[in-house]
Amino acid sequence: MSSKYLLILLPLVFGNLPVCDKYLNNLTDGECSSAEVNRTEMIFHLKKCKKDQYCSYLFPLTSNRSSGEAEKCSNESPKKYIGEYCTNDKECQSSECNLVRKTCASSKSKCEEHGDCDIGLYCSTDKKCAELEDKGKKCSETKKCKVKLICNNEICTEVGSVAKLGDASAPAACETFYIADKKCQEGPKLENGSRVCSENNDKCIYKNYEGKLIEEKCQCGMTAEGKSYCSPGIGDMDIGPVFFNINY
C-alpha cells in the first residue's frame, strides 16, 4: 500500500516490563527512518517526508537492521496494488489501470496468489482467477468469500452474525468477536485499567466469560520512552462489522 508516510507493523510482544524499542521523531531531511542499537534496545528515528515525496521504506521495521541503515525520501511513488486509485498504467504493479474505475486492475486469468487476480476474484487451487463465493457457499479460507463475509466452519458467513453461544471457528463471525470452546463468548475484559506499566511486578489482569482472572505480561508500545502498557481486552472494545469492510 502506497503512502507518503512511514508505516509500521507492530507485533504484540508480551513481557514483564520488557525492554521496549524507542521511536523518536528527529531525523535529518531526506531520510524517513533509521535504526540504531543502544545497549539492549533499538531506537527507531522516524520522520514524514516532504510534500509530494514518498518513503522507500523496508516494511516492516525490524530490530536486526544494521546501524546506520535508513529509508530515503523519494519523488518516485511506490507501485500501487490492484484496487488502488490510479491515473495511468505506470502507477500500477500490474501495469494496468482501469480508466473507467480509476483503479489498478488485472486482466490475468492465471495466477499464483490472490493478489494476481482482479477485484471480486480469488486465486483457486488450479491457479485460475475465480469468482468470490456468496454467503452460505463452502470455503476453505476467507479470501475466497465476498466482501463482508468470513469463512466460518467452512461456510462464507456474514461478519458479526453469529450470536453468543453459537458455533464458530472464526472470531470475526461472532457478534462478540471472541471464541472459546468453539463457541461465541464474551471476550475478556481488563480488570486493572488500561495504563502504562511501571513496576517490576506489573501484570495485566483480565476477566474471562467464566469470571476467571487471566494474567498477561505488559506489552511494548511505540513511545519515545520505550514504555510498556496493558491493552484493552477484546470484551472492552466496541468492535463491529464496520471494521471488516474489506476482504483479508
Protein backbone atom coordinates (compact mmCIF):
# COMPACT_ATOMS: atom_id res chain seq x y z
CA MET A 1 0.00 0.00 0.00
CA SER A 2 1.47 3.35 -1.00
CA SER A 3 1.77 6.16 1.47
CA LYS A 4 3.52 9.45 1.94
CA TYR A 5 4.25 8.40 5.49
CA LEU A 6 6.17 5.66 7.15
CA LEU A 7 4.01 2.69 8.03
CA ILE A 8 4.93 0.36 10.85
CA LEU A 9 3.57 -3.03 11.70
CA LEU A 10 4.00 -3.50 15.44
CA PRO A 11 3.67 -7.10 16.68
CA LEU A 12 2.22 -7.74 20.11
CA VAL A 13 5.23 -8.52 22.31
CA PHE A 14 4.32 -9.61 25.81
CA GLY A 15 6.81 -9.40 28.65
CA ASN A 16 7.09 -8.41 32.32
CA LEU A 17 8.25 -4.82 31.82
CA PRO A 18 10.17 -5.81 28.69
CA VAL A 19 12.93 -3.69 27.24
CA CYS A 20 10.92 -1.90 24.56
CA ASP A 21 12.17 -0.24 21.40
CA LYS A 22 12.04 3.55 21.30
CA TYR A 23 10.55 5.63 18.48
CA LEU A 24 11.84 9.17 18.02
CA ASN A 25 10.99 11.90 15.52
CA ASN A 26 14.29 13.67 15.00
CA LEU A 27 15.71 12.75 11.59
CA THR A 28 17.59 14.94 9.17
CA ASP A 29 15.96 15.91 5.90
CA GLY A 30 15.93 13.32 3.14
CA GLU A 31 15.50 10.29 5.40
CA CYS A 32 12.28 8.85 6.74
CA SER A 33 13.59 6.16 9.11
CA SER A 34 16.75 4.76 10.60
CA ALA A 35 17.63 2.40 13.43
CA GLU A 36 20.45 2.16 15.93
CA VAL A 37 21.35 -0.10 18.83
CA ASN A 38 21.59 1.48 22.27
CA ARG A 39 22.77 -1.22 24.65
CA THR A 40 19.80 -3.58 24.94
CA GLU A 41 17.12 -1.72 22.97
CA MET A 42 16.64 -0.46 19.43
CA ILE A 43 15.97 3.21 18.75
CA PHE A 44 13.97 3.98 15.60
CA HIS A 45 14.13 7.52 14.22
CA LEU A 46 11.01 8.49 12.28
CA LYS A 47 10.09 11.43 10.08
CA LYS A 48 7.48 12.32 7.49
CA CYS A 49 8.74 13.00 4.00
CA LYS A 50 8.23 16.40 2.42
CA LYS A 51 5.12 17.14 0.37
CA ASP A 52 4.92 15.06 -2.85
CA GLN A 53 7.64 12.71 -1.60
CA TYR A 54 7.37 9.08 -0.53
CA CYS A 55 9.28 6.91 1.92
CA SER A 56 11.05 3.98 0.25
CA TYR A 57 10.90 2.01 3.49
CA LEU A 58 11.69 -1.64 4.22
CA PHE A 59 8.40 -2.95 5.59
CA PRO A 60 8.12 -3.51 8.48
CA LEU A 61 10.91 -2.02 10.55
CA THR A 62 12.87 -4.76 12.30
CA SER A 63 15.38 -4.85 15.13
CA ASN A 64 18.02 -6.79 13.18
CA ARG A 65 18.96 -3.98 10.79
CA SER A 66 22.49 -2.69 10.76
CA SER A 67 23.26 0.60 12.45
CA GLY A 68 23.03 3.48 10.03
CA GLU A 69 20.54 1.86 7.64
CA ALA A 70 17.83 4.30 6.60
CA GLU A 71 14.96 4.65 4.18
CA LYS A 72 15.18 7.65 1.88
CA CYS A 73 12.50 10.11 0.85
CA SER A 74 11.91 9.86 -2.90
CA ASN A 75 9.88 11.71 -5.51
CA GLU A 76 9.04 8.37 -7.13
CA SER A 77 5.71 6.95 -5.95
CA PRO A 78 5.64 3.23 -4.98
CA LYS A 79 3.76 0.98 -7.41
CA LYS A 80 0.12 0.59 -6.45
CA TYR A 81 -1.75 -2.66 -5.81
CA ILE A 82 -4.90 -3.92 -7.52
CA GLY A 83 -7.88 -1.84 -6.38
CA GLU A 84 -5.89 1.29 -5.51
CA TYR A 85 -6.57 4.63 -7.22
CA CYS A 86 -4.60 5.27 -10.41
CA THR A 87 -4.49 7.57 -13.42
CA ASN A 88 -2.19 5.58 -15.76
CA ASP A 89 -0.69 2.11 -16.26
CA LYS A 90 2.76 3.08 -14.98
CA GLU A 91 1.40 3.66 -11.47
CA CYS A 92 0.29 0.02 -11.05
CA GLN A 93 2.25 -3.10 -10.16
CA SER A 94 0.10 -4.96 -12.69
CA SER A 95 0.85 -2.27 -15.32
CA GLU A 96 -2.89 -1.96 -15.89
CA CYS A 97 -5.03 0.99 -14.81
CA ASN A 98 -8.77 0.74 -15.45
CA LEU A 99 -9.51 4.29 -16.56
CA VAL A 100 -13.26 3.86 -16.03
CA ARG A 101 -12.95 2.77 -12.39
CA LYS A 102 -9.70 4.72 -11.87
CA THR A 103 -8.19 1.73 -10.05
CA CYS A 104 -5.31 -0.66 -10.72
CA ALA A 105 -6.66 -3.82 -12.32
CA SER A 106 -5.52 -7.12 -13.83
CA SER A 107 -6.61 -9.00 -16.93
CA LYS A 108 -4.85 -12.17 -15.78
CA SER A 109 -6.86 -15.39 -15.82
CA LYS A 110 -3.95 -17.44 -14.43
CA CYS A 111 -2.49 -16.70 -11.00
CA GLU A 112 -0.04 -17.77 -8.33
CA GLU A 113 -1.65 -15.89 -5.42
CA HIS A 114 -4.84 -13.96 -4.65
CA GLY A 115 -3.14 -10.63 -5.34
CA ASP A 116 -2.69 -11.59 -9.01
CA CYS A 117 -6.46 -11.50 -9.56
CA ASP A 118 -8.73 -8.51 -10.11
CA ILE A 119 -11.24 -7.18 -7.56
CA GLY A 120 -14.03 -9.71 -6.95
CA LEU A 121 -11.83 -12.70 -7.83
CA TYR A 122 -9.53 -15.06 -5.95
CA CYS A 123 -6.80 -17.50 -6.97
CA SER A 124 -8.27 -21.03 -6.98
CA THR A 125 -6.38 -24.26 -6.31
CA ASP A 126 -6.00 -24.81 -10.06
CA LYS A 127 -4.21 -21.42 -10.34
CA LYS A 128 -7.06 -19.62 -12.08
CA CYS A 129 -8.85 -16.40 -11.09
CA ALA A 130 -12.36 -17.37 -9.95
CA GLU A 131 -15.44 -15.53 -8.67
CA LEU A 132 -15.62 -14.94 -4.92
CA GLU A 133 -18.17 -17.12 -3.10
CA ASP A 134 -21.55 -15.82 -1.88
CA LYS A 135 -22.98 -16.09 1.63
CA GLY A 136 -23.74 -19.71 2.51
CA LYS A 137 -21.29 -21.19 0.00
CA LYS A 138 -18.47 -23.53 1.01
CA CYS A 139 -14.99 -22.12 1.59
CA SER A 140 -11.56 -23.06 2.90
CA GLU A 141 -10.37 -19.51 3.69
CA THR A 142 -11.85 -16.03 3.99
CA LYS A 143 -10.14 -14.74 0.85
CA LYS A 144 -12.49 -16.94 -1.18
CA CYS A 145 -15.61 -15.22 0.24
CA LYS A 146 -17.12 -11.95 -0.92
CA VAL A 147 -16.56 -8.68 0.94
CA LYS A 148 -18.13 -8.53 4.45
CA LEU A 149 -18.14 -12.34 4.62
CA ILE A 150 -15.76 -14.58 6.57
CA CYS A 151 -15.04 -18.29 6.24
CA ASN A 152 -16.61 -19.78 9.36
CA ASN A 153 -16.93 -23.56 9.78
CA GLU A 154 -16.12 -23.80 6.04
CA ILE A 155 -19.12 -21.63 5.12
CA CYS A 156 -19.00 -17.99 3.91
CA THR A 157 -20.69 -16.21 6.81
CA GLU A 158 -21.59 -12.59 7.43
CA VAL A 159 -19.16 -10.88 9.82
CA GLY A 160 -20.58 -10.50 13.36
CA SER A 161 -23.70 -12.52 12.58
CA VAL A 162 -23.30 -15.48 14.97
CA ALA A 163 -24.97 -14.91 18.35
CA LYS A 164 -23.43 -15.65 21.74
CA LEU A 165 -23.03 -19.43 22.34
CA GLY A 166 -23.35 -20.10 18.61
CA ASP A 167 -20.89 -22.47 16.94
CA ALA A 168 -17.96 -20.73 15.29
CA SER A 169 -14.43 -21.30 14.02
CA ALA A 170 -13.58 -17.65 13.25
CA PRO A 171 -13.82 -14.96 15.98
CA ALA A 172 -14.97 -12.29 13.49
CA ALA A 173 -18.07 -14.36 12.71
CA CYS A 174 -19.29 -13.80 16.29
CA GLU A 175 -21.19 -10.72 17.39
CA THR A 176 -18.80 -10.71 20.37
CA PHE A 177 -15.72 -11.26 18.12
CA TYR A 178 -14.42 -13.90 20.55
CA ILE A 179 -14.38 -17.71 20.63
CA ALA A 180 -13.93 -20.18 23.48
CA ASP A 181 -14.54 -23.94 23.19
CA LYS A 182 -15.63 -23.43 19.55
CA LYS A 183 -18.50 -21.16 20.61
CA CYS A 184 -19.02 -17.39 20.57
CA GLN A 185 -18.45 -15.99 24.06
CA GLU A 186 -17.97 -12.62 25.72
CA GLY A 187 -14.36 -11.53 25.32
CA PRO A 188 -12.00 -11.00 28.27
CA LYS A 189 -12.12 -7.56 29.92
CA LEU A 190 -9.25 -5.69 31.52
CA GLU A 191 -9.73 -5.56 35.29
CA ASN A 192 -6.91 -3.25 36.38
CA GLY A 193 -7.43 -0.48 33.83
CA SER A 194 -5.61 0.37 30.63
CA ARG A 195 -2.43 2.07 31.80
CA VAL A 196 1.33 2.34 31.46
CA CYS A 197 3.21 -0.37 33.33
CA SER A 198 5.75 0.99 35.80
CA GLU A 199 6.64 -1.63 38.43
CA ASN A 200 8.71 -4.80 38.05
CA ASN A 201 5.78 -6.95 39.15
CA ASP A 202 3.21 -5.17 36.95
CA LYS A 203 0.81 -7.52 35.21
CA CYS A 204 -2.29 -7.08 33.09
CA ILE A 205 -5.33 -8.77 34.69
CA TYR A 206 -8.29 -9.82 32.52
CA LYS A 207 -11.59 -11.48 33.48
CA ASN A 208 -13.00 -14.03 31.03
CA TYR A 209 -16.58 -15.11 30.31
CA GLU A 210 -16.45 -17.63 33.19
CA GLY A 211 -15.38 -14.96 35.67
CA LYS A 212 -11.85 -16.36 35.91
CA LEU A 213 -8.89 -13.98 36.09
CA ILE A 214 -6.19 -14.23 33.43
CA GLU A 215 -2.74 -12.69 33.87
CA GLU A 216 -0.81 -11.35 30.89
CA LYS A 217 2.54 -9.58 30.85
CA CYS A 218 2.82 -5.95 29.78
CA GLN A 219 3.34 -5.28 26.09
CA CYS A 220 5.52 -2.75 24.28
CA GLY A 221 4.12 0.39 22.70
CA MET A 222 5.56 2.89 20.22
CA THR A 223 6.81 5.60 22.54
CA ALA A 224 9.91 7.76 22.75
CA GLU A 225 10.46 6.45 26.29
CA GLY A 226 10.18 2.75 25.37
CA LYS A 227 7.30 2.14 27.81
CA SER A 228 5.02 -0.87 28.05
CA TYR A 229 1.32 -0.97 28.87
CA CYS A 230 -1.83 -3.04 29.38
CA SER A 231 -4.10 -3.02 26.32
CA PRO A 232 -7.91 -3.33 26.48
CA GLY A 233 -9.37 -6.82 26.27
CA ILE A 234 -11.48 -7.83 23.28
CA GLY A 235 -14.54 -7.53 25.55
CA ASP A 236 -13.68 -3.88 26.28
CA MET A 237 -13.63 -2.82 22.64
CA ASP A 238 -16.61 -1.70 20.59
CA ILE A 239 -15.91 -3.89 17.57
CA GLY A 240 -18.39 -4.44 14.79
CA PRO A 241 -18.69 -5.35 11.11
CA VAL A 242 -17.74 -1.79 10.15
CA PHE A 243 -14.10 -2.79 10.73
CA PHE A 244 -14.36 -5.65 8.24
CA ASN A 245 -15.46 -3.85 5.08
CA ILE A 246 -12.53 -5.28 3.16
CA ASN A 247 -11.60 -8.87 2.43
CA TYR A 248 -8.48 -10.08 4.18
